[in-house]
PDB file of N, CA and C in Angstrom:
ATOM      1  N   MET A   1      62.969  44.909  53.436  1.00  0.00           N
ATOM      2  CA  MET A   1      62.282  46.071  52.939  1.00  0.00           C
ATOM      3  C   MET A   1      63.248  47.462  54.173  1.00  0.00           C
ATOM      4  N   LYS A   2      63.077  46.800  55.706  1.00  0.00           N
ATOM      5  CA  LYS A   2      63.908  47.553  56.581  1.00  0.00           C
ATOM      6  C   LYS A   2      65.463  47.302  56.275  1.00  0.00           C
ATOM      7  N   LYS A   3      65.819  46.165  55.988  1.00  0.00           N
ATOM      8  CA  LYS A   3      67.257  45.805  55.446  1.00  0.00           C
ATOM      9  C   LYS A   3      67.667  47.046  54.171  1.00  0.00           C
ATOM     10  N   LEU A   4      67.304  47.237  53.433  1.00  0.00           N
ATOM     11  CA  LEU A   4      67.272  48.242  52.235  1.00  0.00           C
ATOM     12  C   LEU A   4      67.390  49.647  52.827  1.00  0.00           C
ATOM     13  N   SER A   5      66.604  49.899  54.238  1.00  0.00           N
ATOM     14  CA  SER A   5      66.545  51.855  54.455  1.00  0.00           C
ATOM     15  C   SER A   5      67.816  51.671  55.864  1.00  0.00           C
ATOM     16  N   ILE A   6      68.142  50.197  56.048  1.00  0.00           N
ATOM     17  CA  ILE A   6      69.210  50.518  56.480  1.00  0.00           C
ATOM     18  C   ILE A   6      70.287  50.671  56.081  1.00  0.00           C
ATOM     19  N   ILE A   7      70.462  50.364  54.981  1.00  0.00           N
ATOM     20  CA  ILE A   7      72.002  50.475  53.879  1.00  0.00           C
ATOM     21  C   ILE A   7      71.690  51.795  53.351  1.00  0.00           C
ATOM     22  N   ALA A   8      70.630  51.969  52.813  1.00  0.00           N
ATOM     23  CA  ALA A   8      70.879  53.429  52.301  1.00  0.00           C
ATOM     24  C   ALA A   8      70.475  54.804  53.417  1.00  0.00           C
ATOM     25  N   GLY A   9      70.793  54.617  54.151  1.00  0.00           N
ATOM     26  CA  GLY A   9      70.646  54.944  56.042  1.00  0.00           C
ATOM     27  C   GLY A   9      72.294  55.476  56.230  1.00  0.00           C
ATOM     28  N   ALA A  10      73.312  53.975  55.757  1.00  0.00           N
ATOM     29  CA  ALA A  10      74.345  54.250  55.941  1.00  0.00           C
ATOM     30  C   ALA A  10      75.285  54.701  55.266  1.00  0.00           C
ATOM     31  N   ILE A  11      74.892  54.657  54.047  1.00  0.00           N
ATOM     32  CA  ILE A  11      75.507  54.957  52.491  1.00  0.00           C
ATOM     33  C   ILE A  11      75.154  56.826  52.438  1.00  0.00           C
ATOM     34  N   LEU A  12      74.052  57.199  53.336  1.00  0.00           N
ATOM     35  CA  LEU A  12      74.107  58.661  52.982  1.00  0.00           C
ATOM     36  C   LEU A  12      74.721  59.220  54.379  1.00  0.00           C
ATOM     37  N   LEU A  13      75.050  58.353  55.480  1.00  0.00           N
ATOM     38  CA  LEU A  13      76.080  58.676  56.760  1.00  0.00           C
ATOM     39  C   LEU A  13      76.974  59.038  55.765  1.00  0.00           C
ATOM     40  N   THR A  14      77.904  57.886  55.503  1.00  0.00           N
ATOM     41  CA  THR A  14      78.706  57.913  55.384  1.00  0.00           C
ATOM     42  C   THR A  14      79.218  58.953  53.695  1.00  0.00           C
ATOM     43  N   ALA A  15      78.523  59.407  53.244  1.00  0.00           N
ATOM     44  CA  ALA A  15      78.203  60.414  52.105  1.00  0.00           C
ATOM     45  C   ALA A  15      78.745  61.385  52.901  1.00  0.00           C
ATOM     46  N   GLY A  16      78.016  61.688  54.149  1.00  0.00           N
ATOM     47  CA  GLY A  16      77.899  63.005  54.599  1.00  0.00           C
ATOM     48  C   GLY A  16      79.184  63.101  55.191  1.00  0.00           C
ATOM     49  N   ILE A  17      79.500  62.141  56.332  1.00  0.00           N
ATOM     50  CA  ILE A  17      80.704  62.327  57.206  1.00  0.00           C
ATOM     51  C   ILE A  17      81.809  62.587  55.811  1.00  0.00           C
ATOM     52  N   ALA A  18      81.715  62.387  54.817  1.00  0.00           N
ATOM     53  CA  ALA A  18      83.274  62.016  53.898  1.00  0.00           C
ATOM     54  C   ALA A  18      83.018  63.880  53.376  1.00  0.00           C
ATOM     55  N   ALA A  19      81.618  64.407  52.716  1.00  0.00           N
ATOM     56  CA  ALA A  19      81.695  65.474  52.407  1.00  0.00           C
ATOM     57  C   ALA A  19      82.209  66.721  53.491  1.00  0.00           C
ATOM     58  N   ALA A  20      82.081  66.701  54.837  1.00  0.00           N
ATOM     59  CA  ALA A  20      82.474  67.423  55.550  1.00  0.00           C
ATOM     60  C   ALA A  20      83.512  67.432  56.346  1.00  0.00           C
ATOM     61  N   SER A  21      84.421  66.059  56.046  1.00  0.00           N
ATOM     62  CA  SER A  21      85.605  65.693  57.190  1.00  0.00           C
ATOM     63  C   SER A  21      86.782  66.671  55.752  1.00  0.00           C
ATOM     64  N   PRO A  22      88.005  67.304  56.287  1.00  0.00           N
ATOM     65  CA  PRO A  22      88.935  67.927  55.561  1.00  0.00           C
ATOM     66  C   PRO A  22      89.521  66.711  55.149  1.00  0.00           C
ATOM     67  N   SER A  23      90.338  65.435  56.066  1.00  0.00           N
ATOM     68  CA  SER A  23      90.582  64.025  55.400  1.00  0.00           C
ATOM     69  C   SER A  23      89.916  63.964  54.116  1.00  0.00           C
ATOM     70  N   PHE A  24      88.720  64.445  54.008  1.00  0.00           N
ATOM     71  CA  PHE A  24      88.358  63.464  52.916  1.00  0.00           C
ATOM     72  C   PHE A  24      88.566  64.854  51.712  1.00  0.00           C
ATOM     73  N   ALA A  25      88.818  66.144  51.614  1.00  0.00           N
ATOM     74  CA  ALA A  25      88.925  67.003  51.157  1.00  0.00           C
ATOM     75  C   ALA A  25      90.516  66.808  50.040  1.00  0.00           C
ATOM     76  N   ALA A  26      90.671  67.708  49.210  1.00  0.00           N
ATOM     77  CA  ALA A  26      91.992  67.256  48.280  1.00  0.00           C
ATOM     78  C   ALA A  26      93.072  67.641  49.127  1.00  0.00           C
ATOM     79  N   ASN A  27      93.927  66.218  48.939  1.00  0.00           N
ATOM     80  CA  ASN A  27      94.744  66.366  49.605  1.00  0.00           C
ATOM     81  C   ASN A  27      96.519  66.071  49.015  1.00  0.00           C
ATOM     82  N   ILE A  28      97.124  66.343  49.682  1.00  0.00           N
ATOM     83  CA  ILE A  28      98.456  66.170  48.883  1.00  0.00           C
ATOM     84  C   ILE A  28      99.055  65.025  47.881  1.00  0.00           C
ATOM     85  N   ALA A  29      98.060  63.938  48.297  1.00  0.00           N
ATOM     86  CA  ALA A  29      98.551  62.778  47.269  1.00  0.00           C
ATOM     87  C   ALA A  29      97.990  63.041  45.811  1.00  0.00           C
ATOM     88  N   GLN A  30      97.846  64.462  45.963  1.00  0.00           N
ATOM     89  CA  GLN A  30      96.780  64.534  44.261  1.00  0.00           C
ATOM     90  C   GLN A  30      98.170  65.311  43.457  1.00  0.00           C
ATOM     91  N   CYS A  31      99.175  65.554  44.418  1.00  0.00           N
ATOM     92  CA  CYS A  31      99.874  66.516  43.540  1.00  0.00           C
ATOM     93  C   CYS A  31     100.908  65.840  42.303  1.00  0.00           C
ATOM     94  N   THR A  32     101.369  65.843  41.749  1.00  0.00           N
ATOM     95  CA  THR A  32     102.520  65.407  40.838  1.00  0.00           C
ATOM     96  C   THR A  32     103.729  66.034  40.932  1.00  0.00           C
ATOM     97  N   ASP A  33     105.087  65.388  40.705  1.00  0.00           N
ATOM     98  CA  ASP A  33     106.368  65.663  40.625  1.00  0.00           C
ATOM     99  C   ASP A  33     106.411  66.371  39.101  1.00  0.00           C
ATOM    100  N   ASP A  34     106.801  67.980  38.922  1.00  0.00           N
ATOM    101  CA  ASP A  34     107.004  68.353  37.865  1.00  0.00           C
ATOM    102  C   ASP A  34     108.154  68.976  37.674  1.00  0.00           C
ATOM    103  N   VAL A  35     109.268  68.170  37.876  1.00  0.00           N
ATOM    104  CA  VAL A  35     110.845  68.507  37.721  1.00  0.00           C
ATOM    105  C   VAL A  35     111.399  68.757  36.050  1.00  0.00           C
ATOM    106  N   THR A  36     111.841  69.785  35.902  1.00  0.00           N
ATOM    107  CA  THR A  36     112.492  70.120  34.503  1.00  0.00           C
ATOM    108  C   THR A  36     114.306  69.394  34.889  1.00  0.00           C
ATOM    109  N   HIS A  37     114.371  68.443  33.795  1.00  0.00           N
ATOM    110  CA  HIS A  37     115.763  67.758  34.272  1.00  0.00           C
ATOM    111  C   HIS A  37     116.532  68.217  33.317  1.00  0.00           C
ATOM    112  N   ASN A  38     117.546  69.131  33.970  1.00  0.00           N
ATOM    113  CA  ASN A  38     118.849  69.957  33.151  1.00  0.00           C
ATOM    114  C   ASN A  38     120.229  69.059  33.065  1.00  0.00           C
ATOM    115  N   ASP A  39     120.994  69.485  32.142  1.00  0.00           N
ATOM    116  CA  ASP A  39     122.229  68.684  32.373  1.00  0.00           C
ATOM    117  C   ASP A  39     122.849  68.941  33.736  1.00  0.00           C
ATOM    118  N   ILE A  40     123.164  67.907  34.552  1.00  0.00           N
ATOM    119  CA  ILE A  40     123.557  68.401  35.855  1.00  0.00           C
ATOM    120  C   ILE A  40     124.645  68.191  35.639  1.00  0.00           C
ATOM    121  N   HIS A  41     125.941  67.463  34.307  1.00  0.00           N
ATOM    122  CA  HIS A  41     127.104  67.272  34.488  1.00  0.00           C
ATOM    123  C   HIS A  41     127.681  68.299  33.552  1.00  0.00           C
ATOM    124  N   ASN A  42     127.234  69.255  33.242  1.00  0.00           N
ATOM    125  CA  ASN A  42     127.050  70.875  33.154  1.00  0.00           C
ATOM    126  C   ASN A  42     126.880  71.926  34.001  1.00  0.00           C
ATOM    127  N   GLY A  43     126.965  71.160  35.314  1.00  0.00           N
ATOM    128  CA  GLY A  43     126.779  72.103  36.273  1.00  0.00           C
ATOM    129  C   GLY A  43     125.259  73.152  36.543  1.00  0.00           C
ATOM    130  N   ALA A  44     124.508  71.984  35.893  1.00  0.00           N
ATOM    131  CA  ALA A  44     122.878  72.393  36.057  1.00  0.00           C
ATOM    132  C   ALA A  44     121.940  71.507  37.054  1.00  0.00           C
ATOM    133  N   THR A  45     121.122  71.590  37.812  1.00  0.00           N
ATOM    134  CA  THR A  45     120.291  71.566  38.396  1.00  0.00           C
ATOM    135  C   THR A  45     119.030  71.143  38.368  1.00  0.00           C
ATOM    136  N   ASP A  46     118.203  70.062  38.327  1.00  0.00           N
ATOM    137  CA  ASP A  46     117.094  69.698  38.219  1.00  0.00           C
ATOM    138  C   ASP A  46     116.026  71.005  39.316  1.00  0.00           C
ATOM    139  N   GLN A  47     115.277  71.367  38.466  1.00  0.00           N
ATOM    140  CA  GLN A  47     114.060  72.500  39.474  1.00  0.00           C
ATOM    141  C   GLN A  47     112.808  71.954  38.935  1.00  0.00           C
ATOM    142  N   SER A  48     112.200  72.008  39.844  1.00  0.00           N
ATOM    143  CA  SER A  48     110.777  72.116  39.605  1.00  0.00           C
ATOM    144  C   SER A  48     109.850  73.015  38.935  1.00  0.00           C
ATOM    145  N   ALA A  49     108.949  73.000  38.722  1.00  0.00           N
ATOM    146  CA  ALA A  49     108.242  74.552  37.657  1.00  0.00           C
ATOM    147  C   ALA A  49     107.562  75.247  39.070  1.00  0.00           C
ATOM    148  N   ILE A  50     107.673  74.860  40.178  1.00  0.00           N
ATOM    149  CA  ILE A  50     107.030  75.574  41.865  1.00  0.00           C
ATOM    150  C   ILE A  50     108.572  76.295  41.755  1.00  0.00           C
ATOM    151  N   ASP A  51     109.670  75.458  42.451  1.00  0.00           N
ATOM    152  CA  ASP A  51     110.973  76.349  42.341  1.00  0.00           C
ATOM    153  C   ASP A  51     111.576  77.556  41.509  1.00  0.00           C
ATOM    154  N   ILE A  52     111.096  77.353  40.442  1.00  0.00           N
ATOM    155  CA  ILE A  52     111.094  78.188  38.950  1.00  0.00           C
ATOM    156  C   ILE A  52     110.411  79.163  39.219  1.00  0.00           C
ATOM    157  N   ASN A  53     109.027  78.929  39.188  1.00  0.00           N
ATOM    158  CA  ASN A  53     108.376  80.528  39.433  1.00  0.00           C
ATOM    159  C   ASN A  53     107.851  80.504  41.200  1.00  0.00           C
ATOM    160  N   SER A  54     108.592  80.234  42.186  1.00  0.00           N
ATOM    161  CA  SER A  54     108.327  80.867  43.627  1.00  0.00           C
ATOM    162  C   SER A  54     108.246  82.156  43.848  1.00  0.00           C
ATOM    163  N   THR A  55     108.397  83.276  42.536  1.00  0.00           N
ATOM    164  CA  THR A  55     108.078  84.503  43.593  1.00  0.00           C
ATOM    165  C   THR A  55     106.786  84.870  42.618  1.00  0.00           C
ATOM    166  N   SER A  56     106.587  84.373  42.116  1.00  0.00           N
ATOM    167  CA  SER A  56     105.117  84.392  41.418  1.00  0.00           C
ATOM    168  C   SER A  56     104.355  83.754  42.417  1.00  0.00           C
ATOM    169  N   ILE A  57     104.221  82.441  42.367  1.00  0.00           N
ATOM    170  CA  ILE A  57     103.334  81.477  43.596  1.00  0.00           C
ATOM    171  C   ILE A  57     102.951  82.081  44.634  1.00  0.00           C
ATOM    172  N   LEU A  58     104.693  82.903  45.677  1.00  0.00           N
ATOM    173  CA  LEU A  58     104.046  83.826  46.670  1.00  0.00           C
ATOM    174  C   LEU A  58     103.208  84.945  46.796  1.00  0.00           C
ATOM    175  N   GLN A  59     103.531  85.264  45.522  1.00  0.00           N
ATOM    176  CA  GLN A  59     102.703  86.554  45.464  1.00  0.00           C
ATOM    177  C   GLN A  59     101.588  86.480  45.405  1.00  0.00           C
ATOM    178  N   SER A  60     101.032  85.438  43.850  1.00  0.00           N
ATOM    179  CA  SER A  60      99.889  84.489  44.671  1.00  0.00           C
ATOM    180  C   SER A  60      98.907  84.179  45.898  1.00  0.00           C
ATOM    181  N   LEU A  61      99.556  83.347  46.224  1.00  0.00           N
ATOM    182  CA  LEU A  61      99.207  82.963  47.783  1.00  0.00           C
ATOM    183  C   LEU A  61      98.796  84.412  48.483  1.00  0.00           C
ATOM    184  N   ARG A  62      99.854  85.503  48.737  1.00  0.00           N
ATOM    185  CA  ARG A  62      99.786  86.623  49.561  1.00  0.00           C
ATOM    186  C   ARG A  62      98.342  87.474  48.729  1.00  0.00           C
ATOM    187  N   ALA A  63      97.910  87.128  47.645  1.00  0.00           N
ATOM    188  CA  ALA A  63      96.842  87.978  47.022  1.00  0.00           C
ATOM    189  C   ALA A  63      95.957  87.262  47.421  1.00  0.00           C
ATOM    190  N   LYS A  64      95.632  86.308  47.675  1.00  0.00           N
ATOM    191  CA  LYS A  64      94.641  85.254  48.104  1.00  0.00           C
ATOM    192  C   LYS A  64      94.129  85.399  49.665  1.00  0.00           C
ATOM    193  N   GLY A  65      95.285  86.313  50.389  1.00  0.00           N
ATOM    194  CA  GLY A  65      95.247  86.782  52.087  1.00  0.00           C
ATOM    195  C   GLY A  65      95.845  85.988  53.020  1.00  0.00           C
ATOM    196  N   ILE A  66      96.828  85.259  51.520  1.00  0.00           N
ATOM    197  CA  ILE A  66      97.466  83.884  52.857  1.00  0.00           C
ATOM    198  C   ILE A  66      98.839  84.321  53.112  1.00  0.00           C
ATOM    199  N   ASP A  67      99.308  84.410  54.340  1.00  0.00           N
ATOM    200  CA  ASP A  67     100.457  85.376  54.600  1.00  0.00           C
ATOM    201  C   ASP A  67     102.224  84.211  54.719  1.00  0.00           C
ATOM    202  N   ALA A  68     102.172  83.928  53.222  1.00  0.00           N
ATOM    203  CA  ALA A  68     103.281  82.921  53.110  1.00  0.00           C
ATOM    204  C   ALA A  68     104.254  83.779  52.997  1.00  0.00           C
ATOM    205  N   GLN A  69     105.061  83.362  54.096  1.00  0.00           N
ATOM    206  CA  GLN A  69     106.691  84.071  53.483  1.00  0.00           C
ATOM    207  C   GLN A  69     108.178  83.122  53.043  1.00  0.00           C
ATOM    208  N   ASP A  70     107.719  81.764  52.035  1.00  0.00           N
ATOM    209  CA  ASP A  70     108.539  81.147  51.506  1.00  0.00           C
ATOM    210  C   ASP A  70     107.895  79.730  51.084  1.00  0.00           C
ATOM    211  N   VAL A  71     107.980  79.759  49.549  1.00  0.00           N
ATOM    212  CA  VAL A  71     107.068  78.402  49.158  1.00  0.00           C
ATOM    213  C   VAL A  71     108.780  77.481  48.249  1.00  0.00           C
ATOM    214  N   SER A  72     108.042  76.400  48.735  1.00  0.00           N
ATOM    215  CA  SER A  72     109.020  75.122  47.703  1.00  0.00           C
ATOM    216  C   SER A  72     108.199  74.301  47.089  1.00  0.00           C
ATOM    217  N   ASP A  73     108.771  73.006  45.999  1.00  0.00           N
ATOM    218  CA  ASP A  73     107.804  72.128  45.911  1.00  0.00           C
ATOM    219  C   ASP A  73     108.637  71.403  46.708  1.00  0.00           C
ATOM    220  N   TRP A  74     107.330  70.537  46.673  1.00  0.00           N
ATOM    221  CA  TRP A  74     107.160  69.471  47.893  1.00  0.00           C
ATOM    222  C   TRP A  74     106.479  68.312  46.997  1.00  0.00           C
ATOM    223  N   GLY A  75     106.921  67.154  46.230  1.00  0.00           N
ATOM    224  CA  GLY A  75     106.520  66.284  45.904  1.00  0.00           C
ATOM    225  C   GLY A  75     105.492  66.913  44.792  1.00  0.00           C
ATOM    226  N   GLY A  76     105.540  67.777  44.034  1.00  0.00           N
ATOM    227  CA  GLY A  76     104.946  68.590  42.766  1.00  0.00           C
ATOM    228  C   GLY A  76     103.694  69.273  43.647  1.00  0.00           C
ATOM    229  N   CYS A  77     103.381  69.311  45.365  1.00  0.00           N
ATOM    230  CA  CYS A  77     102.432  70.950  46.033  1.00  0.00           C
ATOM    231  C   CYS A  77     103.551  72.148  46.228  1.00  0.00           C
ATOM    232  N   VAL A  78     102.948  73.034  46.387  1.00  0.00           N
ATOM    233  CA  VAL A  78     103.378  73.869  46.907  1.00  0.00           C
ATOM    234  C   VAL A  78     103.385  73.882  47.906  1.00  0.00           C
ATOM    235  N   LYS A  79     105.002  73.689  48.725  1.00  0.00           N
ATOM    236  CA  LYS A  79     104.538  73.545  50.448  1.00  0.00           C
ATOM    237  C   LYS A  79     104.735  75.438  50.706  1.00  0.00           C
ATOM    238  N   ALA A  80     104.211  76.073  51.354  1.00  0.00           N
ATOM    239  CA  ALA A  80     104.388  77.029  52.035  1.00  0.00           C
ATOM    240  C   ALA A  80     104.649  77.551  53.507  1.00  0.00           C
ATOM    241  N   ASP A  81     105.919  78.662  54.301  1.00  0.00           N
ATOM    242  CA  ASP A  81     105.926  78.467  55.272  1.00  0.00           C
ATOM    243  C   ASP A  81     104.757  79.876  55.059  1.00  0.00           C
ATOM    244  N   VAL A  82     103.541  79.357  56.417  1.00  0.00           N
ATOM    245  CA  VAL A  82     102.642  80.527  56.697  1.00  0.00           C
ATOM    246  C   VAL A  82     102.492  80.921  58.073  1.00  0.00           C
ATOM    247  N   VAL A  83     102.448  82.357  58.564  1.00  0.00           N
ATOM    248  CA  VAL A  83     102.570  83.043  59.630  1.00  0.00           C
ATOM    249  C   VAL A  83     100.931  83.179  59.903  1.00  0.00           C
ATOM    250  N   ARG A  84     100.583  82.413  60.748  1.00  0.00           N
ATOM    251  CA  ARG A  84      99.061  82.317  61.300  1.00  0.00           C
ATOM    252  C   ARG A  84      98.567  83.298  61.860  1.00  0.00           C
ATOM    253  N   ALA A  85      97.650  83.754  62.206  1.00  0.00           N
ATOM    254  CA  ALA A  85      97.409  84.507  63.350  1.00  0.00           C
ATOM    255  C   ALA A  85      98.020  84.714  64.581  1.00  0.00           C
ATOM    256  N   ASP A  86      98.457  83.449  65.258  1.00  0.00           N
ATOM    257  CA  ASP A  86      98.863  84.318  66.444  1.00  0.00           C
ATOM    258  C   ASP A  86     100.271  84.370  66.138  1.00  0.00           C
ATOM    259  N   GLY A  87     101.196  84.572  65.369  1.00  0.00           N
ATOM    260  CA  GLY A  87     102.237  84.929  65.290  1.00  0.00           C
ATOM    261  C   GLY A  87     102.565  83.405  64.588  1.00  0.00           C
ATOM    262  N   HIS A  88     102.686  82.001  65.380  1.00  0.00           N
ATOM    263  CA  HIS A  88     103.533  81.406  64.736  1.00  0.00           C
ATOM    264  C   HIS A  88     103.531  80.590  63.059  1.00  0.00           C
ATOM    265  N   VAL A  89     104.486  80.106  62.447  1.00  0.00           N
ATOM    266  CA  VAL A  89     104.675  79.853  61.157  1.00  0.00           C
ATOM    267  C   VAL A  89     104.337  78.573  61.224  1.00  0.00           C
ATOM    268  N   ALA A  90     103.186  78.059  60.236  1.00  0.00           N
ATOM    269  CA  ALA A  90     103.575  76.537  60.117  1.00  0.00           C
ATOM    270  C   ALA A  90     103.246  76.506  58.562  1.00  0.00           C
ATOM    271  N   GLN A  91     103.506  75.307  58.109  1.00  0.00           N
ATOM    272  CA  GLN A  91     104.026  74.433  56.845  1.00  0.00           C
ATOM    273  C   GLN A  91     102.456  74.031  56.421  1.00  0.00           C
ATOM    274  N   GLU A  92     102.258  74.855  55.222  1.00  0.00           N
ATOM    275  CA  GLU A  92     100.536  74.219  54.545  1.00  0.00           C
ATOM    276  C   GLU A  92     101.011  73.683  53.289  1.00  0.00           C
ATOM    277  N   PHE A  93     100.366  72.944  52.628  1.00  0.00           N
ATOM    278  CA  PHE A  93     100.791  72.574  51.074  1.00  0.00           C
ATOM    279  C   PHE A  93      99.470  73.277  50.187  1.00  0.00           C
ATOM    280  N   PHE A  94      99.610  73.659  49.237  1.00  0.00           N
ATOM    281  CA  PHE A  94      99.047  74.256  48.343  1.00  0.00           C
ATOM    282  C   PHE A  94      98.636  73.472  46.936  1.00  0.00           C
ATOM    283  N   ASP A  95      97.539  73.474  46.028  1.00  0.00           N
ATOM    284  CA  ASP A  95      97.622  72.937  44.545  1.00  0.00           C
ATOM    285  C   ASP A  95      98.099  74.115  44.067  1.00  0.00           C
ATOM    286  N   PRO A  96      99.505  73.479  42.633  1.00  0.00           N
ATOM    287  CA  PRO A  96     100.161  74.572  42.468  1.00  0.00           C
ATOM    288  C   PRO A  96      99.740  75.062  41.478  1.00  0.00           C
ATOM    289  N   GLY A  97      98.462  74.518  40.781  1.00  0.00           N
ATOM    290  CA  GLY A  97      97.757  74.830  39.550  1.00  0.00           C
ATOM    291  C   GLY A  97      96.132  76.287  39.648  1.00  0.00           C
ATOM    292  N   THR A  98      95.835  76.164  41.164  1.00  0.00           N
ATOM    293  CA  THR A  98      94.751  76.405  41.823  1.00  0.00           C
ATOM    294  C   THR A  98      94.915  77.289  43.033  1.00  0.00           C
ATOM    295  N   PHE A  99      95.615  76.692  43.986  1.00  0.00           N
ATOM    296  CA  PHE A  99      96.101  77.562  44.975  1.00  0.00           C
ATOM    297  C   PHE A  99      95.382  76.738  45.992  1.00  0.00           C
ATOM    298  N   GLN A 100      94.541  76.514  45.826  1.00  0.00           N
ATOM    299  CA  GLN A 100      93.434  75.664  47.176  1.00  0.00           C
ATOM    300  C   GLN A 100      94.668  75.055  48.165  1.00  0.00           C
ATOM    301  N   ARG A 101      94.259  75.053  49.458  1.00  0.00           N
ATOM    302  CA  ARG A 101      94.982  74.395  50.645  1.00  0.00           C
ATOM    303  C   ARG A 101      94.499  72.876  50.074  1.00  0.00           C
ATOM    304  N   LEU A 102      95.390  72.311  50.325  1.00  0.00           N
ATOM    305  CA  LEU A 102      95.399  70.407  50.565  1.00  0.00           C
ATOM    306  C   LEU A 102      96.046  70.259  52.093  1.00  0.00           C
ATOM    307  N   TYR A 103      95.082  69.270  51.756  1.00  0.00           N
ATOM    308  CA  TYR A 103      95.232  68.557  53.535  1.00  0.00           C
ATOM    309  C   TYR A 103      96.176  67.539  53.447  1.00  0.00           C
ATOM    310  N   VAL A 104      96.829  66.557  54.790  1.00  0.00           N
ATOM    311  CA  VAL A 104      97.523  65.887  54.468  1.00  0.00           C
ATOM    312  C   VAL A 104      96.880  64.935  55.525  1.00  0.00           C
ATOM    313  N   ASN A 105      96.705  63.410  54.582  1.00  0.00           N
ATOM    314  CA  ASN A 105      95.537  62.257  55.139  1.00  0.00           C
ATOM    315  C   ASN A 105      95.967  61.653  55.986  1.00  0.00           C
ATOM    316  N   HIS A 106      95.909  61.355  57.073  1.00  0.00           N
ATOM    317  CA  HIS A 106      96.018  60.993  58.778  1.00  0.00           C
ATOM    318  C   HIS A 106      95.407  59.491  58.922  1.00  0.00           C
ATOM    319  N   GLY A 107      95.758  58.095  57.082  1.00  0.00           N
ATOM    320  CA  GLY A 107      94.937  57.683  57.787  1.00  0.00           C
ATOM    321  C   GLY A 107      95.529  56.261  57.525  1.00  0.00           C
TER     322      GLY A 107
END
């Protein structure tokens, strides 16, 4: 019985840490690259949906209170240059459908 209690406690502890840690939050590994392939032999270039809609995405991020200055596609994620409260610019990543902030796992 004591062994079962220890195992159950370890599982609950692990679940609690996972829920509280940003490294377990939505991360950039969940993005998928969505590139529109154009006929590059006739002068066209491949563009992602993010790059094509960058103005709209920029406006959506700003409407959420994110001081984004520029956005681009980064492997299917929205990569934004964001001005932080201290005035420094940092790259942040967002889900292209929900604009939820994504995290880079360092594991």
